Amino acid sequence: MAFVAPFMATYGAAIGAGVSAIGMISNGINQSNTADYNAQVASQNAEIARQQGVAAQTAQAQQAKQKIGLMIASYGSSGVSGDAGSPLDILGQSAAQAKLDNLNIGYNANLKATGFDNTATLDKAQGDNALTSGILSAVGQGASGYAKYSAAQAGTPIPIYGNSMTTTSPKNGGLSLGG
Protein backbone atom coordinates (compact mmCIF):
# COMPACT_ATOMS: atom_id res chain seq x y z
CA MET A 1 0.00 0.00 0.00
CA ALA A 2 2.93 2.29 0.67
CA PHE A 3 3.91 1.98 -2.99
CA VAL A 4 0.42 2.67 -4.38
CA ALA A 5 0.02 6.21 -3.02
CA PRO A 6 3.27 7.62 -4.45
CA PHE A 7 2.67 5.75 -7.72
CA MET A 8 -0.86 7.13 -8.10
CA ALA A 9 0.26 10.60 -7.12
CA THR A 10 2.99 10.52 -9.71
CA TYR A 11 1.40 8.59 -12.54
CA GLY A 12 -2.36 8.67 -11.84
CA ALA A 13 -2.93 12.07 -13.40
CA ALA A 14 -1.00 11.08 -16.51
CA ILE A 15 -2.86 7.79 -16.84
CA GLY A 16 -6.21 9.50 -16.27
CA ALA A 17 -5.38 12.18 -18.82
CA GLY A 18 -4.39 9.54 -21.36
CA VAL A 19 -7.59 7.57 -20.88
CA SER A 20 -9.64 10.77 -21.04
CA ALA A 21 -7.83 11.87 -24.21
CA ILE A 22 -8.59 8.55 -25.89
CA GLY A 23 -12.25 8.95 -24.93
CA MET A 24 -12.34 12.46 -26.37
CA ILE A 25 -10.87 11.31 -29.68
CA SER A 26 -13.28 8.37 -29.80
CA ASN A 27 -16.23 10.66 -29.09
CA GLY A 28 -15.08 13.05 -31.83
CA ILE A 29 -14.77 10.19 -34.30
CA ASN A 30 -18.24 8.87 -33.40
CA GLN A 31 -19.84 12.30 -33.75
CA SER A 32 -18.03 12.83 -37.04
CA ASN A 33 -19.20 9.45 -38.39
CA THR A 34 -22.79 10.19 -37.38
CA ALA A 35 -22.72 13.61 -39.04
CA ASP A 36 -21.13 12.15 -42.19
CA TYR A 37 -23.86 9.50 -42.36
CA ASN A 38 -26.52 12.20 -41.98
CA ALA A 39 -24.84 14.17 -44.78
CA GLN A 40 -24.96 11.10 -47.05
CA VAL A 41 -28.66 10.60 -46.30
CA ALA A 42 -29.39 14.27 -47.03
CA SER A 43 -27.48 14.04 -50.34
CA GLN A 44 -29.49 10.95 -51.29
CA ASN A 45 -32.70 12.78 -50.40
CA ALA A 46 -31.65 15.69 -52.62
CA GLU A 47 -31.15 13.34 -55.57
CA ILE A 48 -34.50 11.67 -54.89
CA ALA A 49 -36.20 15.09 -54.80
CA ARG A 50 -34.67 15.95 -58.19
CA GLN A 51 -35.80 12.63 -59.68
CA GLN A 52 -39.29 13.07 -58.28
CA GLY A 53 -39.41 16.56 -59.78
CA VAL A 54 -38.50 15.26 -63.22
CA ALA A 55 -41.12 12.51 -62.93
CA ALA A 56 -43.79 14.99 -61.81
CA GLN A 57 -42.91 17.34 -64.67
CA THR A 58 -43.13 14.49 -67.17
CA ALA A 59 -46.51 13.38 -65.82
CA GLN A 60 -47.85 16.94 -65.79
CA ALA A 61 -46.68 17.56 -69.38
CA GLN A 62 -48.39 14.36 -70.52
CA GLN A 63 -51.64 15.32 -68.75
CA ALA A 64 -51.51 18.82 -70.28
CA LYS A 65 -51.08 17.37 -73.79
CA GLN A 66 -54.06 15.08 -73.22
CA LYS A 67 -56.18 17.96 -71.92
CA ILE A 68 -55.34 20.18 -74.88
CA GLY A 69 -55.93 17.26 -77.25
CA LEU A 70 -59.38 16.72 -75.70
CA MET A 71 -60.14 20.42 -76.09
CA ILE A 72 -59.20 20.30 -79.81
CA ALA A 73 -61.30 17.15 -80.31
CA SER A 74 -64.22 18.74 -78.49
CA TYR A 75 -64.03 21.82 -80.68
CA GLY A 76 -63.89 19.65 -83.80
CA SER A 77 -66.88 17.53 -82.78
CA SER A 78 -68.86 20.69 -82.07
CA GLY A 79 -68.09 22.10 -85.48
CA VAL A 80 -65.91 24.90 -84.06
CA SER A 81 -62.68 25.60 -85.88
CA GLY A 82 -59.73 25.37 -83.50
CA ASP A 83 -57.33 27.21 -85.77
CA ALA A 84 -58.69 30.76 -85.38
CA GLY A 85 -60.53 33.06 -83.00
CA SER A 86 -61.52 32.41 -79.39
CA PRO A 87 -60.86 28.65 -79.43
CA LEU A 88 -57.31 29.32 -80.53
CA ASP A 89 -56.90 31.90 -77.74
CA ILE A 90 -58.20 29.40 -75.17
CA LEU A 91 -55.86 26.69 -76.45
CA GLY A 92 -52.92 29.13 -76.26
CA GLN A 93 -53.82 30.12 -72.71
CA SER A 94 -54.19 26.49 -71.69
CA ALA A 95 -50.79 25.63 -73.19
CA ALA A 96 -49.16 28.62 -71.47
CA GLN A 97 -50.71 27.70 -68.11
CA ALA A 98 -49.57 24.10 -68.53
CA LYS A 99 -46.03 25.29 -69.24
CA LEU A 100 -46.10 27.54 -66.15
CA ASP A 101 -47.36 24.66 -64.01
CA ASN A 102 -44.56 22.49 -65.36
CA LEU A 103 -41.93 25.10 -64.55
CA ASN A 104 -43.33 25.52 -61.01
CA ILE A 105 -43.11 21.77 -60.43
CA GLY A 106 -39.46 21.82 -61.48
CA TYR A 107 -38.72 24.89 -59.37
CA ASN A 108 -40.30 23.38 -56.26
CA ALA A 109 -38.40 20.11 -56.73
CA ASN A 110 -35.12 22.00 -57.11
CA LEU A 111 -35.93 24.09 -54.04
CA LYS A 112 -36.53 20.93 -52.02
CA ALA A 113 -33.31 19.35 -53.34
CA THR A 114 -31.34 22.50 -52.47
CA GLY A 115 -32.64 22.26 -48.90
CA PHE A 116 -31.35 18.70 -48.68
CA ASP A 117 -28.01 19.74 -50.22
CA ASN A 118 -27.67 22.52 -47.65
CA THR A 119 -28.42 20.06 -44.84
CA ALA A 120 -25.76 17.72 -46.21
CA THR A 121 -23.20 20.53 -46.29
CA LEU A 122 -24.00 21.53 -42.71
CA ASP A 123 -23.87 17.92 -41.51
CA LYS A 124 -20.48 17.43 -43.16
CA ALA A 125 -19.15 20.60 -41.51
CA GLN A 126 -20.53 19.44 -38.17
CA GLY A 127 -18.70 16.13 -38.59
CA ASP A 128 -15.44 17.87 -39.43
CA ASN A 129 -15.84 20.17 -36.43
CA ALA A 130 -16.62 17.28 -34.08
CA LEU A 131 -13.48 15.43 -35.13
CA THR A 132 -11.33 18.55 -34.79
CA SER A 133 -12.87 19.31 -31.40
CA GLY A 134 -12.22 15.78 -30.18
CA ILE A 135 -8.59 15.93 -31.24
CA LEU A 136 -7.99 19.38 -29.76
CA SER A 137 -9.68 18.41 -26.50
CA ALA A 138 -7.51 15.30 -26.33
CA VAL A 139 -4.36 17.34 -26.92
CA GLY A 140 -5.42 19.75 -24.16
CA GLN A 141 -6.16 16.87 -21.81
CA GLY A 142 -2.81 15.30 -22.62
CA ALA A 143 -1.00 18.58 -21.92
CA SER A 144 -2.86 18.94 -18.63
CA GLY A 145 -1.96 15.38 -17.66
CA TYR A 146 1.67 15.97 -18.54
CA ALA A 147 1.70 19.15 -16.46
CA LYS A 148 0.27 17.24 -13.48
CA TYR A 149 2.79 14.46 -13.96
CA SER A 150 5.65 16.97 -14.16
CA ALA A 151 4.37 18.72 -11.05
CA ALA A 152 4.22 15.40 -9.22
CA GLN A 153 7.77 14.60 -10.29
CA ALA A 154 8.97 17.98 -9.03
CA GLY A 155 7.08 17.84 -5.75
CA THR A 156 4.82 20.78 -6.69
CA PRO A 157 1.31 20.86 -5.22
CA ILE A 158 -1.31 19.29 -7.51
CA PRO A 159 -4.84 20.66 -7.06
CA ILE A 160 -7.26 17.83 -6.34
CA TYR A 161 -10.91 18.70 -5.62
CA GLY A 162 -10.09 22.08 -4.14
CA ASN A 163 -7.22 20.80 -2.00
CA SER A 164 -3.64 20.38 -2.99
CA MET A 165 -1.46 17.35 -2.72
CA THR A 166 2.28 17.77 -2.52
CA THR A 167 4.51 14.93 -3.45
CA THR A 168 8.15 14.52 -3.04
CA SER A 169 10.18 13.08 -5.84
CA PRO A 170 9.59 9.36 -6.31
CA LYS A 171 13.32 9.04 -5.94
CA ASN A 172 12.91 10.15 -2.35
CA GLY A 173 10.23 7.51 -2.00
CA GLY A 174 7.62 9.50 -0.18
CA LEU A 175 4.31 11.20 -0.35
CA SER A 176 3.40 14.19 1.71
CA LEU A 177 0.05 15.86 1.82
CA GLY A 178 0.09 19.58 2.22
CA GLY A 179 -2.32 22.49 2.12
C-alpha atoms as a PDB file:
ATOM      1  CA  MET A   1       0.000   0.000   0.000  1.00  0.00           C
ATOM      2  CA  ALA A   2       2.931   2.289   0.670  1.00  0.00           C
ATOM      3  CA  PHE A   3       3.908   1.982  -2.987  1.00  0.00           C
ATOM      4  CA  VAL A   4       0.418   2.673  -4.384  1.00  0.00           C
ATOM      5  CA  ALA A   5       0.018   6.210  -3.018  1.00  0.00           C
ATOM      6  CA  PRO A   6       3.267   7.616  -4.448  1.00  0.00           C
ATOM      7  CA  PHE A   7       2.671   5.749  -7.718  1.00  0.00           C
ATOM      8  CA  MET A   8      -0.861   7.128  -8.103  1.00  0.00           C
ATOM      9  CA  ALA A   9       0.259  10.604  -7.117  1.00  0.00           C
ATOM     10  CA  THR A  10       2.986  10.524  -9.709  1.00  0.00           C
ATOM     11  CA  TYR A  11       1.399   8.594 -12.542  1.00  0.00           C
ATOM     12  CA  GLY A  12      -2.359   8.668 -11.842  1.00  0.00           C
ATOM     13  CA  ALA A  13      -2.927  12.071 -13.397  1.00  0.00           C
ATOM     14  CA  ALA A  14      -1.000  11.085 -16.512  1.00  0.00           C
ATOM     15  CA  ILE A  15      -2.861   7.794 -16.845  1.00  0.00           C
ATOM     16  CA  GLY A  16      -6.209   9.496 -16.269  1.00  0.00           C
ATOM     17  CA  ALA A  17      -5.376  12.178 -18.824  1.00  0.00           C
ATOM     18  CA  GLY A  18      -4.388   9.540 -21.362  1.00  0.00           C
ATOM     19  CA  VAL A  19      -7.593   7.573 -20.883  1.00  0.00           C
ATOM     20  CA  SER A  20      -9.635  10.771 -21.037  1.00  0.00           C
ATOM     21  CA  ALA A  21      -7.831  11.872 -24.212  1.00  0.00           C
ATOM     22  CA  ILE A  22      -8.586   8.551 -25.894  1.00  0.00           C
ATOM     23  CA  GLY A  23     -12.248   8.947 -24.933  1.00  0.00           C
ATOM     24  CA  MET A  24     -12.337  12.463 -26.373  1.00  0.00           C
ATOM     25  CA  ILE A  25     -10.874  11.312 -29.679  1.00  0.00           C
ATOM     26  CA  SER A  26     -13.281   8.369 -29.795  1.00  0.00           C
ATOM     27  CA  ASN A  27     -16.228  10.660 -29.092  1.00  0.00           C
ATOM     28  CA  GLY A  28     -15.078  13.055 -31.826  1.00  0.00           C
ATOM     29  CA  ILE A  29     -14.769  10.194 -34.302  1.00  0.00           C
ATOM     30  CA  ASN A  30     -18.240   8.867 -33.405  1.00  0.00           C
ATOM     31  CA  GLN A  31     -19.842  12.300 -33.746  1.00  0.00           C
ATOM     32  CA  SER A  32     -18.032  12.825 -37.040  1.00  0.00           C
ATOM     33  CA  ASN A  33     -19.199   9.453 -38.395  1.00  0.00           C
ATOM     34  CA  THR A  34     -22.789  10.191 -37.380  1.00  0.00           C
ATOM     35  CA  ALA A  35     -22.719  13.607 -39.037  1.00  0.00           C
ATOM     36  CA  ASP A  36     -21.130  12.154 -42.194  1.00  0.00           C
ATOM     37  CA  TYR A  37     -23.855   9.500 -42.357  1.00  0.00           C
ATOM     38  CA  ASN A  38     -26.525  12.197 -41.979  1.00  0.00           C
ATOM     39  CA  ALA A  39     -24.837  14.166 -44.779  1.00  0.00           C
ATOM     40  CA  GLN A  40     -24.964  11.105 -47.053  1.00  0.00           C
ATOM     41  CA  VAL A  41     -28.661  10.598 -46.303  1.00  0.00           C
ATOM     42  CA  ALA A  42     -29.390  14.268 -47.032  1.00  0.00           C
ATOM     43  CA  SER A  43     -27.479  14.038 -50.336  1.00  0.00           C
ATOM     44  CA  GLN A  44     -29.486  10.952 -51.292  1.00  0.00           C
ATOM     45  CA  ASN A  45     -32.702  12.779 -50.396  1.00  0.00           C
ATOM     46  CA  ALA A  46     -31.647  15.693 -52.618  1.00  0.00           C
ATOM     47  CA  GLU A  47     -31.151  13.340 -55.569  1.00  0.00           C
ATOM     48  CA  ILE A  48     -34.505  11.668 -54.888  1.00  0.00           C
ATOM     49  CA  ALA A  49     -36.205  15.092 -54.803  1.00  0.00           C
ATOM     50  CA  ARG A  50     -34.673  15.948 -58.186  1.00  0.00           C
ATOM     51  CA  GLN A  51     -35.802  12.632 -59.683  1.00  0.00           C
ATOM     52  CA  GLN A  52     -39.293  13.070 -58.277  1.00  0.00           C
ATOM     53  CA  GLY A  53     -39.411  16.559 -59.785  1.00  0.00           C
ATOM     54  CA  VAL A  54     -38.500  15.257 -63.224  1.00  0.00           C
ATOM     55  CA  ALA A  55     -41.117  12.509 -62.929  1.00  0.00           C
ATOM     56  CA  ALA A  56     -43.789  14.990 -61.806  1.00  0.00           C
ATOM     57  CA  GLN A  57     -42.913  17.343 -64.673  1.00  0.00           C
ATOM     58  CA  THR A  58     -43.132  14.493 -67.174  1.00  0.00           C
ATOM     59  CA  ALA A  59     -46.515  13.380 -65.818  1.00  0.00           C
ATOM     60  CA  GLN A  60     -47.850  16.940 -65.792  1.00  0.00           C
ATOM     61  CA  ALA A  61     -46.684  17.556 -69.376  1.00  0.00           C
ATOM     62  CA  GLN A  62     -48.394  14.361 -70.522  1.00  0.00           C
ATOM     63  CA  GLN A  63     -51.638  15.322 -68.754  1.00  0.00           C
ATOM     64  CA  ALA A  64     -51.506  18.822 -70.282  1.00  0.00           C
ATOM     65  CA  LYS A  65     -51.084  17.371 -73.794  1.00  0.00           C
ATOM     66  CA  GLN A  66     -54.058  15.077 -73.219  1.00  0.00           C
ATOM     67  CA  LYS A  67     -56.179  17.960 -71.921  1.00  0.00           C
ATOM     68  CA  ILE A  68     -55.340  20.181 -74.885  1.00  0.00           C
ATOM     69  CA  GLY A  69     -55.929  17.259 -77.247  1.00  0.00           C
ATOM     70  CA  LEU A  70     -59.376  16.716 -75.696  1.00  0.00           C
ATOM     71  CA  MET A  71     -60.140  20.416 -76.094  1.00  0.00           C
ATOM     72  CA  ILE A  72     -59.204  20.304 -79.810  1.00  0.00           C
ATOM     73  CA  ALA A  73     -61.298  17.149 -80.305  1.00  0.00           C
ATOM     74  CA  SER A  74     -64.222  18.739 -78.486  1.00  0.00           C
ATOM     75  CA  TYR A  75     -64.028  21.821 -80.677  1.00  0.00           C
ATOM     76  CA  GLY A  76     -63.887  19.654 -83.798  1.00  0.00           C
ATOM     77  CA  SER A  77     -66.877  17.535 -82.775  1.00  0.00           C
ATOM     78  CA  SER A  78     -68.862  20.691 -82.069  1.00  0.00           C
ATOM     79  CA  GLY A  79     -68.088  22.105 -85.485  1.00  0.00           C
ATOM     80  CA  VAL A  80     -65.915  24.896 -84.061  1.00  0.00           C
ATOM     81  CA  SER A  81     -62.675  25.605 -85.880  1.00  0.00           C
ATOM     82  CA  GLY A  82     -59.730  25.373 -83.498  1.00  0.00           C
ATOM     83  CA  ASP A  83     -57.329  27.213 -85.768  1.00  0.00           C
ATOM     84  CA  ALA A  84     -58.690  30.758 -85.377  1.00  0.00           C
ATOM     85  CA  GLY A  85     -60.531  33.056 -82.996  1.00  0.00           C
ATOM     86  CA  SER A  86     -61.523  32.407 -79.393  1.00  0.00           C
ATOM     87  CA  PRO A  87     -60.862  28.646 -79.427  1.00  0.00           C
ATOM     88  CA  LEU A  88     -57.306  29.323 -80.533  1.00  0.00           C
ATOM     89  CA  ASP A  89     -56.905  31.896 -77.741  1.00  0.00           C
ATOM     90  CA  ILE A  90     -58.202  29.402 -75.170  1.00  0.00           C
ATOM     91  CA  LEU A  91     -55.859  26.690 -76.450  1.00  0.00           C
ATOM     92  CA  GLY A  92     -52.918  29.132 -76.260  1.00  0.00           C
ATOM     93  CA  GLN A  93     -53.824  30.119 -72.706  1.00  0.00           C
ATOM     94  CA  SER A  94     -54.188  26.492 -71.690  1.00  0.00           C
ATOM     95  CA  ALA A  95     -50.789  25.630 -73.185  1.00  0.00           C
ATOM     96  CA  ALA A  96     -49.159  28.623 -71.469  1.00  0.00           C
ATOM     97  CA  GLN A  97     -50.714  27.702 -68.112  1.00  0.00           C
ATOM     98  CA  ALA A  98     -49.573  24.096 -68.525  1.00  0.00           C
ATOM     99  CA  LYS A  99     -46.026  25.287 -69.239  1.00  0.00           C
ATOM    100  CA  LEU A 100     -46.096  27.535 -66.151  1.00  0.00           C
ATOM    101  CA  ASP A 101     -47.365  24.660 -64.013  1.00  0.00           C
ATOM    102  CA  ASN A 102     -44.563  22.491 -65.361  1.00  0.00           C
ATOM    103  CA  LEU A 103     -41.929  25.104 -64.545  1.00  0.00           C
ATOM    104  CA  ASN A 104     -43.334  25.516 -61.014  1.00  0.00           C
ATOM    105  CA  ILE A 105     -43.113  21.770 -60.435  1.00  0.00           C
ATOM    106  CA  GLY A 106     -39.463  21.817 -61.484  1.00  0.00           C
ATOM    107  CA  TYR A 107     -38.719  24.892 -59.368  1.00  0.00           C
ATOM    108  CA  ASN A 108     -40.304  23.375 -56.260  1.00  0.00           C
ATOM    109  CA  ALA A 109     -38.396  20.113 -56.733  1.00  0.00           C
ATOM    110  CA  ASN A 110     -35.116  21.998 -57.111  1.00  0.00           C
ATOM    111  CA  LEU A 111     -35.926  24.090 -54.044  1.00  0.00           C
ATOM    112  CA  LYS A 112     -36.528  20.926 -52.017  1.00  0.00           C
ATOM    113  CA  ALA A 113     -33.314  19.354 -53.338  1.00  0.00           C
ATOM    114  CA  THR A 114     -31.345  22.504 -52.469  1.00  0.00           C
ATOM    115  CA  GLY A 115     -32.635  22.259 -48.902  1.00  0.00           C
ATOM    116  CA  PHE A 116     -31.348  18.705 -48.678  1.00  0.00           C
ATOM    117  CA  ASP A 117     -28.011  19.738 -50.218  1.00  0.00           C
ATOM    118  CA  ASN A 118     -27.665  22.518 -47.650  1.00  0.00           C
ATOM    119  CA  THR A 119     -28.420  20.062 -44.842  1.00  0.00           C
ATOM    120  CA  ALA A 120     -25.761  17.717 -46.206  1.00  0.00           C
ATOM    121  CA  THR A 121     -23.203  20.532 -46.293  1.00  0.00           C
ATOM    122  CA  LEU A 122     -23.999  21.533 -42.711  1.00  0.00           C
ATOM    123  CA  ASP A 123     -23.867  17.921 -41.513  1.00  0.00           C
ATOM    124  CA  LYS A 124     -20.483  17.434 -43.164  1.00  0.00           C
ATOM    125  CA  ALA A 125     -19.152  20.603 -41.513  1.00  0.00           C
ATOM    126  CA  GLN A 126     -20.528  19.442 -38.167  1.00  0.00           C
ATOM    127  CA  GLY A 127     -18.705  16.130 -38.592  1.00  0.00           C
ATOM    128  CA  ASP A 128     -15.439  17.867 -39.430  1.00  0.00           C
ATOM    129  CA  ASN A 129     -15.838  20.174 -36.435  1.00  0.00           C
ATOM    130  CA  ALA A 130     -16.620  17.285 -34.081  1.00  0.00           C
ATOM    131  CA  LEU A 131     -13.485  15.430 -35.130  1.00  0.00           C
ATOM    132  CA  THR A 132     -11.331  18.550 -34.792  1.00  0.00           C
ATOM    133  CA  SER A 133     -12.865  19.312 -31.400  1.00  0.00           C
ATOM    134  CA  GLY A 134     -12.216  15.775 -30.177  1.00  0.00           C
ATOM    135  CA  ILE A 135      -8.590  15.926 -31.238  1.00  0.00           C
ATOM    136  CA  LEU A 136      -7.986  19.380 -29.763  1.00  0.00           C
ATOM    137  CA  SER A 137      -9.675  18.408 -26.497  1.00  0.00           C
ATOM    138  CA  ALA A 138      -7.511  15.304 -26.334  1.00  0.00           C
ATOM    139  CA  VAL A 139      -4.361  17.342 -26.916  1.00  0.00           C
ATOM    140  CA  GLY A 140      -5.418  19.746 -24.165  1.00  0.00           C
ATOM    141  CA  GLN A 141      -6.164  16.872 -21.808  1.00  0.00           C
ATOM    142  CA  GLY A 142      -2.806  15.304 -22.623  1.00  0.00           C
ATOM    143  CA  ALA A 143      -1.000  18.581 -21.919  1.00  0.00           C
ATOM    144  CA  SER A 144      -2.859  18.938 -18.629  1.00  0.00           C
ATOM    145  CA  GLY A 145      -1.957  15.378 -17.660  1.00  0.00           C
ATOM    146  CA  TYR A 146       1.665  15.969 -18.541  1.00  0.00           C
ATOM    147  CA  ALA A 147       1.702  19.149 -16.456  1.00  0.00           C
ATOM    148  CA  LYS A 148       0.270  17.244 -13.483  1.00  0.00           C
ATOM    149  CA  TYR A 149       2.790  14.458 -13.963  1.00  0.00           C
ATOM    150  CA  SER A 150       5.645  16.968 -14.160  1.00  0.00           C
ATOM    151  CA  ALA A 151       4.367  18.721 -11.048  1.00  0.00           C
ATOM    152  CA  ALA A 152       4.221  15.398  -9.225  1.00  0.00           C
ATOM    153  CA  GLN A 153       7.774  14.601 -10.294  1.00  0.00           C
ATOM    154  CA  ALA A 154       8.970  17.978  -9.029  1.00  0.00           C
ATOM    155  CA  GLY A 155       7.080  17.842  -5.748  1.00  0.00           C
ATOM    156  CA  THR A 156       4.817  20.776  -6.687  1.00  0.00           C
ATOM    157  CA  PRO A 157       1.306  20.859  -5.220  1.00  0.00           C
ATOM    158  CA  ILE A 158      -1.311  19.291  -7.507  1.00  0.00           C
ATOM    159  CA  PRO A 159      -4.838  20.659  -7.062  1.00  0.00           C
ATOM    160  CA  ILE A 160      -7.261  17.825  -6.342  1.00  0.00           C
ATOM    161  CA  TYR A 161     -10.909  18.696  -5.618  1.00  0.00           C
ATOM    162  CA  GLY A 162     -10.086  22.081  -4.141  1.00  0.00           C
ATOM    163  CA  ASN A 163      -7.216  20.800  -2.001  1.00  0.00           C
ATOM    164  CA  SER A 164      -3.636  20.384  -2.987  1.00  0.00           C
ATOM    165  CA  MET A 165      -1.464  17.350  -2.721  1.00  0.00           C
ATOM    166  CA  THR A 166       2.280  17.770  -2.515  1.00  0.00           C
ATOM    167  CA  THR A 167       4.508  14.925  -3.447  1.00  0.00           C
ATOM    168  CA  THR A 168       8.151  14.519  -3.041  1.00  0.00           C
ATOM    169  CA  SER A 169      10.181  13.080  -5.838  1.00  0.00           C
ATOM    170  CA  PRO A 170       9.591   9.364  -6.307  1.00  0.00           C
ATOM    171  CA  LYS A 171      13.324   9.038  -5.935  1.00  0.00           C
ATOM    172  CA  ASN A 172      12.911  10.149  -2.348  1.00  0.00           C
ATOM    173  CA  GLY A 173      10.226   7.514  -1.997  1.00  0.00           C
ATOM    174  CA  GLY A 174       7.616   9.503  -0.183  1.00  0.00           C
ATOM    175  CA  LEU A 175       4.310  11.198  -0.352  1.00  0.00           C
ATOM    176  CA  SER A 176       3.404  14.186   1.709  1.00  0.00           C
ATOM    177  CA  LEU A 177       0.046  15.865   1.824  1.00  0.00           C
ATOM    178  CA  GLY A 178       0.087  19.583   2.225  1.00  0.00           C
ATOM    179  CA  GLY A 179      -2.318  22.491   2.123  1.00  0.00           C
END
